[in-house]
Amino acid sequence: MVKRSGILIATAISASLFLSACTSRPSEEELRQLNDLKAEVSALEKQVPDKEKEKAKLEKEVAEKNGKLQECQDDQAAVRKALGQ
């Protein structure tokens, strides 16, 4: 998703530069902006694997906590049943 966003941003800026330019060459400012966006996209793409690992770790923790919660609820139900409630 981050990768797509970066590509879309770069494409949108490139398209706007192309459509609004009066010359066939981009200005220095336009080239700087494009290079800045490329660097940002690259940095974000490098973060994706780490974020995916972090997400998997958090999902595992949630699953473990849900399992413990279910155990507690089962124990509570057994106690209530034993007490005749």
Protein backbone atom coordinates (compact mmCIF):
# COMPACT_ATOMS: atom_id res chain seq x y z
CA MET A 1 0.00 0.00 0.00
CA VAL A 2 2.82 2.39 0.85
CA LYS A 3 4.54 1.39 -2.36
CA ARG A 4 1.46 2.19 -4.40
CA SER A 5 1.02 5.56 -2.71
CA GLY A 6 4.57 6.57 -3.47
CA ILE A 7 4.30 5.49 -7.06
CA LEU A 8 0.98 7.32 -7.42
CA ILE A 9 2.48 10.49 -5.98
CA ALA A 10 5.49 10.30 -8.26
CA THR A 11 3.27 9.62 -11.26
CA ALA A 12 0.92 12.48 -10.40
CA ILE A 13 3.77 14.94 -10.04
CA SER A 14 5.40 13.70 -13.21
CA ALA A 15 2.13 14.05 -15.09
CA SER A 16 1.50 17.54 -13.74
CA LEU A 17 5.04 18.55 -14.65
CA PHE A 18 4.57 17.19 -18.13
CA LEU A 19 1.20 18.86 -18.68
CA SER A 20 2.12 22.24 -17.20
CA ALA A 21 5.58 22.61 -18.65
CA CYS A 22 6.13 24.99 -21.52
CA THR A 23 9.54 23.58 -22.31
CA SER A 24 10.62 20.08 -23.09
CA ARG A 25 13.00 20.05 -20.12
CA PRO A 26 12.05 20.09 -16.43
CA SER A 27 13.31 22.93 -14.28
CA GLU A 28 15.88 22.42 -11.55
CA GLU A 29 13.14 22.76 -8.94
CA GLU A 30 11.04 20.09 -10.65
CA LEU A 31 14.01 17.74 -10.84
CA ARG A 32 14.77 18.34 -7.16
CA GLN A 33 11.15 17.59 -6.22
CA LEU A 34 11.17 14.43 -8.29
CA ASN A 35 14.43 13.26 -6.73
CA ASP A 36 13.09 14.03 -3.25
CA LEU A 37 9.98 11.96 -3.98
CA LYS A 38 12.04 9.08 -5.33
CA ALA A 39 14.14 9.11 -2.17
CA GLU A 40 11.02 9.17 -0.01
CA VAL A 41 9.47 6.26 -1.92
CA SER A 42 12.69 4.28 -1.57
CA ALA A 43 12.86 4.92 2.18
CA LEU A 44 9.22 3.89 2.62
CA GLU A 45 9.69 0.73 0.57
CA LYS A 46 12.58 -0.26 2.84
CA GLN A 47 10.29 0.04 5.88
CA VAL A 48 7.64 -2.33 4.50
CA PRO A 49 9.29 -5.64 5.50
CA ASP A 50 9.95 -4.41 9.04
CA LYS A 51 6.38 -3.20 9.40
CA GLU A 52 5.05 -6.52 8.10
CA LYS A 53 7.14 -8.38 10.70
CA GLU A 54 5.90 -6.03 13.41
CA LYS A 55 2.31 -6.59 12.28
CA ALA A 56 2.74 -10.37 12.38
CA LYS A 57 4.24 -10.16 15.88
CA LEU A 58 1.36 -8.03 17.12
CA GLU A 59 -1.22 -10.35 15.54
CA LYS A 60 0.43 -13.30 17.31
CA GLU A 61 0.31 -11.44 20.63
CA VAL A 62 -3.37 -10.63 20.12
CA ALA A 63 -4.12 -14.28 19.32
CA GLU A 64 -2.30 -15.41 22.48
CA LYS A 65 -4.17 -12.89 24.63
CA ASN A 66 -7.48 -13.93 23.05
CA GLY A 67 -6.64 -17.53 23.90
CA LYS A 68 -5.93 -16.62 27.52
CA LEU A 69 -9.14 -14.59 27.68
CA GLN A 70 -11.12 -17.56 26.39
CA GLU A 71 -9.51 -19.79 29.01
CA CYS A 72 -10.50 -17.35 31.75
CA GLN A 73 -14.05 -17.14 30.44
CA ASP A 74 -14.26 -20.95 30.32
CA ASP A 75 -12.96 -21.20 33.91
CA GLN A 76 -15.43 -18.54 35.04
CA ALA A 77 -18.30 -20.41 33.37
CA ALA A 78 -17.22 -23.66 35.05
CA VAL A 79 -17.09 -21.99 38.47
CA ARG A 80 -20.54 -20.47 37.96
CA LYS A 81 -21.91 -23.83 36.90
CA ALA A 82 -20.34 -25.50 39.93
CA LEU A 83 -21.91 -22.85 42.18
CA GLY A 84 -25.28 -23.42 40.54
CA GLN A 85 -25.62 -20.01 38.97
